[in-house]
Amino acid sequence: RAERSSRAAPSRRAAGSGGPPARSSPGARTVASSLGIDIAEVPTSGARITEADVRAYAESQTASQLPPGIPTPSSSVEMTGMRKGIADHMRSSIANTAQLSFFLEVDVTDVQQMRRDASKDSDTTITLAHAIIKACAAAISRVPAINSILSEGTVHQFDEVNVGFAAALDEGLIVPVIGGVEQKSISEIAAEMDDLTTKAKEGTLLPDAVLGGTFTVSVLGIVDGFTPILNAGQSAILGVGRSVQKPVVRRNEVVVREMLTLSLTVDHQTIDGAVAAAFMRRLQQAIERPAPLFK
C-alpha cells in the first residue's frame, strides 16, 4: 500500500559512522534546505534527524570556520548576490591599484545659496551633491588626466565625463552613471540623478545604467570625511562629507562660513600627486566661485 507522505524520509548517518541510515523529519529537511545543508551529512543519536540536529550541525560547521576563541555567532549569512559582487569588486580594486588619498576643505557658503536660489526655478530640488558633480566636470576639463581608465596596461583618457554616484540600497551599494555631465545643466543633472536613484531603489534600473563611468562621486553626509575606494578600472573617486559652519579667517577677520571636506582617492599608477593636487585646486575654485556652474 502507498506510504503516507508524512512518514520520515530515509537518510544516512554522518559519513564514516558505519551505522544504518537515519531518518529525517519533514521539518529537519525544510531547515536543511533553507540553510543549504546536505541532510545526509547531519549526525543524529536518535531514531531520526530533527530540526535541532540540523541547526546544531549548522552551528558546528560555522564555528569550525572561525578563529579559535571566537564565540558562536548569533547568525551567519553567506555572502551572495549583490553583497558578494560588491565584495569581489572592492577586493579587485584594492588588489589591482595603488590607492592614494588627498583631502581639502572648501567653502560652500556661496554655492549653497546659489543652489537654493536655483531650486526655486527648477522642477527638481538642487542639492549640493548636484553642484559638486557639475563642478567635477569643470575641474576635469582643466585636468583631463583625472578622467581616465587603466585597462591591460593602457591608460585611456576621455573627453566625455560620465560620473557614477553611489546609491545606497538595503542590499548594498549600486553606482548609476550620469553620462556627458560636462554638457548638462545642474537642473538636468539633478533630474537624471533623482530618476536613477528612484529606479535603483525600486529595482527597475536597467543594467546599462551602471556602465560607462569614467569618474565617481560618493556622498556620505553624516560624516566629516572618509577615504573612498576606487571603482575598479577608474583613476579617481571623490568623497564628499558633511558641510558644517566654522569660524574661518577672511581678510584678517574671523567670520562664520559653511565648510566641507572633500577627499580624492586616485590610482597612483596613472595619477601623480601633482596632477591630483591640480585637480583639487580646480575643483575648489569651481565650488567657491560657483556662478559658472549655474549657467
Protein backbone atom coordinates (compact mmCIF):
# COMPACT_ATOMS: atom_id res chain seq x y z
CA ARG A 1 0.00 0.00 0.00
CA ALA A 2 1.11 3.60 -0.56
CA GLU A 3 3.13 5.16 2.23
CA ARG A 4 1.82 8.29 3.91
CA SER A 5 3.64 11.49 2.81
CA SER A 6 4.26 12.49 6.43
CA ARG A 7 6.43 9.45 7.02
CA ALA A 8 10.05 10.37 7.77
CA ALA A 9 12.34 10.09 4.75
CA PRO A 10 15.41 7.88 5.00
CA SER A 11 18.81 9.46 5.42
CA ARG A 12 22.17 8.02 6.20
CA ARG A 13 24.09 8.78 9.35
CA ALA A 14 27.13 11.05 9.39
CA ALA A 15 29.82 9.98 6.96
CA GLY A 16 32.05 7.32 8.45
CA SER A 17 29.68 6.42 11.28
CA GLY A 18 29.15 2.92 9.90
CA GLY A 19 25.61 2.79 11.29
CA PRO A 20 22.38 2.16 9.42
CA PRO A 21 20.71 5.03 7.55
CA ALA A 22 18.92 7.55 9.76
CA ARG A 23 15.55 9.04 9.01
CA SER A 24 14.76 12.75 8.94
CA SER A 25 11.64 14.67 9.84
CA PRO A 26 9.94 16.98 7.32
CA GLY A 27 10.90 19.97 9.48
CA ALA A 28 14.53 18.89 9.51
CA ARG A 29 14.56 18.62 5.72
CA THR A 30 12.99 22.07 5.39
CA VAL A 31 15.58 23.66 7.68
CA ALA A 32 18.43 21.84 5.93
CA SER A 33 17.23 23.07 2.55
CA SER A 34 16.94 26.67 3.75
CA LEU A 35 20.47 26.55 5.18
CA GLY A 36 21.95 24.85 2.12
CA ILE A 37 22.94 21.75 4.11
CA ASP A 38 23.06 18.20 2.76
CA ILE A 39 20.91 16.43 5.33
CA ALA A 40 22.75 13.18 4.67
CA GLU A 41 25.77 14.75 6.40
CA VAL A 42 23.87 15.60 9.60
CA PRO A 43 24.66 13.24 12.50
CA THR A 44 22.00 12.13 14.98
CA SER A 45 21.98 10.00 18.08
CA GLY A 46 18.24 9.35 17.94
CA ALA A 47 15.96 7.41 15.67
CA ARG A 48 15.74 10.24 13.17
CA ILE A 49 17.28 13.60 12.33
CA THR A 50 15.40 16.51 13.88
CA GLU A 51 15.38 20.27 13.29
CA ALA A 52 17.57 20.64 16.38
CA ASP A 53 20.12 18.23 14.87
CA VAL A 54 20.26 20.27 11.67
CA ARG A 55 20.70 23.58 13.49
CA ALA A 56 23.37 22.13 15.78
CA TYR A 57 25.23 20.80 12.74
CA ALA A 58 24.98 24.21 11.03
CA GLU A 59 26.42 25.93 14.12
CA SER A 60 29.26 23.43 14.34
CA GLN A 61 30.16 24.00 10.68
CA THR A 62 30.14 27.77 11.14
CA ALA A 63 32.19 27.56 14.33
CA SER A 64 34.78 25.38 12.61
CA GLN A 65 35.40 28.22 10.10
CA LEU A 66 36.09 30.82 12.79
CA PRO A 67 39.41 31.51 14.54
CA PRO A 68 39.90 29.80 17.93
CA GLY A 69 38.30 31.60 20.85
CA ILE A 70 35.59 33.32 18.82
CA PRO A 71 32.13 32.78 20.39
CA THR A 72 29.35 31.07 18.49
CA PRO A 73 27.70 33.71 16.27
CA SER A 74 24.04 34.58 16.73
CA SER A 75 23.60 34.31 12.96
CA SER A 76 25.71 33.54 9.89
CA VAL A 77 24.78 34.62 6.37
CA GLU A 78 26.79 33.58 3.35
CA MET A 79 27.54 36.48 1.01
CA THR A 80 25.61 36.04 -2.23
CA GLY A 81 24.16 38.18 -4.99
CA MET A 82 24.81 41.91 -4.78
CA ARG A 83 26.72 41.72 -1.49
CA LYS A 84 29.17 39.18 -2.90
CA GLY A 85 29.51 41.21 -6.08
CA ILE A 86 30.39 44.32 -4.07
CA ALA A 87 32.93 42.38 -2.01
CA ASP A 88 34.58 40.95 -5.13
CA HIS A 89 34.61 44.40 -6.77
CA MET A 90 36.20 46.10 -3.76
CA ARG A 91 38.78 43.35 -3.32
CA SER A 92 39.73 43.60 -7.00
CA SER A 93 40.07 47.38 -6.70
CA ILE A 94 42.41 47.17 -3.70
CA ALA A 95 44.46 44.35 -5.22
CA ASN A 96 44.99 45.96 -8.63
CA THR A 97 45.51 49.64 -7.82
CA ALA A 98 47.92 51.83 -5.86
CA GLN A 99 45.42 53.97 -3.97
CA LEU A 100 46.42 57.36 -2.61
CA SER A 101 44.06 59.88 -0.99
CA PHE A 102 44.11 63.68 -0.72
CA PHE A 103 41.97 65.93 1.49
CA LEU A 104 40.88 69.53 1.01
CA GLU A 105 38.45 71.76 2.91
CA VAL A 106 36.36 74.03 0.71
CA ASP A 107 33.99 76.90 1.42
CA VAL A 108 30.48 76.01 0.21
CA THR A 109 28.64 79.03 1.62
CA ASP A 110 28.05 80.69 -1.76
CA VAL A 111 27.30 77.54 -3.74
CA GLN A 112 24.75 76.51 -1.11
CA GLN A 113 22.94 79.82 -1.50
CA MET A 114 23.06 79.63 -5.29
CA ARG A 115 21.70 76.09 -5.41
CA ARG A 116 18.84 77.09 -3.07
CA ASP A 117 18.01 80.02 -5.36
CA ALA A 118 18.23 77.79 -8.45
CA SER A 119 15.86 75.27 -6.87
CA LYS A 120 13.11 77.89 -6.84
CA ASP A 121 13.17 77.98 -10.65
CA SER A 122 13.58 74.23 -11.14
CA ASP A 123 11.14 71.32 -11.08
CA THR A 124 13.75 69.38 -9.09
CA THR A 125 15.36 70.37 -5.81
CA ILE A 126 19.02 71.05 -6.49
CA THR A 127 21.34 69.74 -3.80
CA LEU A 128 24.97 70.36 -3.00
CA ALA A 129 25.79 66.95 -4.50
CA HIS A 130 24.38 68.03 -7.87
CA ALA A 131 26.50 71.18 -7.82
CA ILE A 132 29.63 69.23 -6.87
CA ILE A 133 29.12 66.76 -9.73
CA LYS A 134 28.90 69.69 -12.14
CA ALA A 135 31.99 71.24 -10.51
CA CYS A 136 33.87 67.97 -11.06
CA ALA A 137 33.19 68.20 -14.78
CA ALA A 138 34.51 71.78 -14.79
CA ALA A 139 37.68 70.72 -12.95
CA ILE A 140 38.19 67.71 -15.22
CA SER A 141 38.07 70.00 -18.27
CA ARG A 142 41.21 71.67 -16.85
CA VAL A 143 42.86 68.47 -15.58
CA PRO A 144 41.67 65.77 -18.02
CA ALA A 145 44.09 63.09 -16.81
CA ILE A 146 41.75 62.51 -13.86
CA ASN A 147 39.08 61.27 -16.29
CA SER A 148 40.84 58.08 -17.33
CA ILE A 149 40.68 54.31 -17.10
CA LEU A 150 43.54 51.81 -16.85
CA SER A 151 42.95 48.63 -18.82
CA GLU A 152 45.52 45.92 -19.57
CA GLY A 153 48.49 48.25 -19.25
CA THR A 154 46.98 51.07 -21.30
CA VAL A 155 45.62 54.35 -19.91
CA HIS A 156 42.55 55.56 -21.79
CA GLN A 157 41.64 59.23 -21.34
CA PHE A 158 38.18 60.60 -22.19
CA ASP A 159 36.68 63.95 -23.14
CA GLU A 160 33.20 62.81 -22.10
CA VAL A 161 32.71 62.97 -18.34
CA ASN A 162 30.48 60.10 -17.21
CA VAL A 163 30.02 60.43 -13.45
CA GLY A 164 28.93 57.47 -11.36
CA PHE A 165 27.37 58.20 -7.98
CA ALA A 166 26.99 55.79 -5.09
CA ALA A 167 23.37 55.00 -4.22
CA ALA A 168 22.67 53.04 -1.03
CA LEU A 169 20.21 50.14 -1.16
CA ASP A 170 19.22 47.65 1.53
CA GLU A 171 21.36 45.01 -0.19
CA GLY A 172 24.40 47.26 -0.64
CA LEU A 173 25.69 49.99 -2.93
CA ILE A 174 24.98 50.49 -6.60
CA VAL A 175 26.66 53.09 -8.83
CA PRO A 176 24.39 54.51 -11.58
CA VAL A 177 26.10 56.69 -14.18
CA ILE A 178 25.16 60.15 -15.44
CA GLY A 179 26.63 60.42 -18.93
CA GLY A 180 28.01 63.58 -20.52
CA VAL A 181 27.90 65.70 -17.36
CA GLU A 182 30.06 68.36 -18.99
CA GLN A 183 27.22 69.14 -21.43
CA LYS A 184 24.36 69.15 -18.93
CA SER A 185 22.96 71.87 -16.71
CA ILE A 186 22.70 71.40 -12.97
CA SER A 187 18.92 71.05 -13.31
CA GLU A 188 19.38 68.26 -15.87
CA ILE A 189 21.94 66.54 -13.64
CA ALA A 190 19.57 66.79 -10.66
CA ALA A 191 16.61 65.37 -12.59
CA GLU A 192 18.63 62.47 -14.01
CA MET A 193 20.27 61.66 -10.68
CA ASP A 194 16.90 61.62 -8.91
CA ASP A 195 15.40 59.40 -11.62
CA LEU A 196 18.28 56.91 -11.48
CA THR A 197 18.14 56.81 -7.68
CA THR A 198 14.40 56.13 -7.68
CA LYS A 199 14.77 53.33 -10.24
CA ALA A 200 17.63 51.80 -8.26
CA LYS A 201 15.52 51.70 -5.08
CA GLU A 202 12.52 50.29 -6.95
CA GLY A 203 14.62 47.63 -8.65
CA THR A 204 13.78 48.90 -12.14
CA LEU A 205 17.23 50.22 -13.05
CA LEU A 206 18.40 48.84 -16.40
CA PRO A 207 21.79 47.04 -16.44
CA ASP A 208 23.38 49.56 -18.81
CA ALA A 209 22.60 52.38 -16.34
CA VAL A 210 25.64 51.37 -14.27
CA LEU A 211 28.02 51.09 -17.24
CA GLY A 212 30.38 53.57 -18.84
CA GLY A 213 31.51 55.55 -15.80
CA THR A 214 34.82 57.42 -16.04
CA PHE A 215 34.76 59.13 -12.62
CA THR A 216 32.82 58.52 -9.40
CA VAL A 217 31.41 60.70 -6.62
CA SER A 218 30.44 59.20 -3.24
CA VAL A 219 28.46 61.30 -0.77
CA LEU A 220 28.27 60.47 2.95
CA GLY A 221 26.59 63.46 4.51
CA ILE A 222 26.68 62.19 8.09
CA VAL A 223 30.48 62.08 8.47
CA ASP A 224 33.12 64.79 8.24
CA GLY A 225 35.24 62.88 5.74
CA PHE A 226 36.35 59.46 4.54
CA THR A 227 38.65 57.72 2.06
CA PRO A 228 36.57 56.21 -0.76
CA ILE A 229 37.78 53.10 -2.60
CA LEU A 230 38.27 53.37 -6.34
CA ASN A 231 35.67 51.98 -8.68
CA ALA A 232 37.70 49.21 -10.36
CA GLY A 233 39.39 50.49 -13.51
CA GLN A 234 38.81 54.19 -12.88
CA SER A 235 41.64 56.50 -11.91
CA ALA A 236 39.83 58.68 -9.37
CA ILE A 237 36.87 58.90 -6.99
CA LEU A 238 35.73 61.90 -4.94
CA GLY A 239 34.39 61.51 -1.41
CA VAL A 240 32.04 64.21 -0.11
CA GLY A 241 31.40 64.54 3.63
CA ARG A 242 29.04 66.82 5.52
CA SER A 243 29.17 70.60 5.48
CA VAL A 244 29.41 72.41 8.82
CA GLN A 245 29.59 76.02 9.91
CA LYS A 246 33.02 77.03 11.18
CA PRO A 247 34.86 80.18 12.16
CA VAL A 248 37.42 80.96 9.46
CA VAL A 249 39.73 83.88 8.72
CA ARG A 250 38.77 86.02 5.72
CA ARG A 251 40.68 89.25 5.06
CA ASN A 252 42.10 89.26 8.57
CA GLU A 253 38.67 88.84 10.14
CA VAL A 254 37.07 85.83 11.78
CA VAL A 255 33.77 85.00 10.07
CA VAL A 256 31.43 82.02 10.09
CA ARG A 257 31.39 80.07 6.82
CA GLU A 258 29.95 76.73 5.75
CA MET A 259 32.88 74.38 5.14
CA LEU A 260 33.09 70.95 3.54
CA THR A 261 35.85 68.33 3.46
CA LEU A 262 36.50 66.66 0.11
CA SER A 263 38.62 63.54 -0.25
CA LEU A 264 40.06 62.39 -3.55
CA THR A 265 41.38 58.86 -3.99
CA VAL A 266 43.46 58.23 -7.11
CA ASP A 267 45.30 55.32 -8.65
CA HIS A 268 48.93 56.31 -8.25
CA GLN A 269 49.77 54.04 -11.17
CA THR A 270 48.14 56.55 -13.51
CA ILE A 271 47.79 59.78 -11.49
CA ASP A 272 50.75 61.57 -9.93
CA GLY A 273 50.39 63.62 -6.76
CA ALA A 274 50.86 66.89 -8.62
CA VAL A 275 48.02 66.04 -11.01
CA ALA A 276 45.71 65.12 -8.14
CA ALA A 277 46.58 68.37 -6.34
CA ALA A 278 45.93 70.38 -9.51
CA PHE A 279 42.51 68.77 -9.86
CA MET A 280 41.63 69.51 -6.24
CA ARG A 281 42.68 73.14 -6.69
CA ARG A 282 40.49 73.49 -9.82
CA LEU A 283 37.61 71.80 -8.04
CA GLN A 284 37.94 74.19 -5.11
CA GLN A 285 37.86 77.15 -7.49
CA ALA A 286 34.76 75.83 -9.25
CA ILE A 287 32.94 75.32 -5.94
CA GLU A 288 33.98 78.57 -4.26
CA ARG A 289 33.29 80.66 -7.39
CA PRO A 290 30.09 78.87 -8.39
CA ALA A 291 28.35 81.28 -10.78
CA PRO A 292 29.51 79.47 -13.99
CA LEU A 293 28.06 76.19 -12.68
CA PHE A 294 24.52 77.58 -12.79
CA LYS A 295 24.58 78.99 -16.33
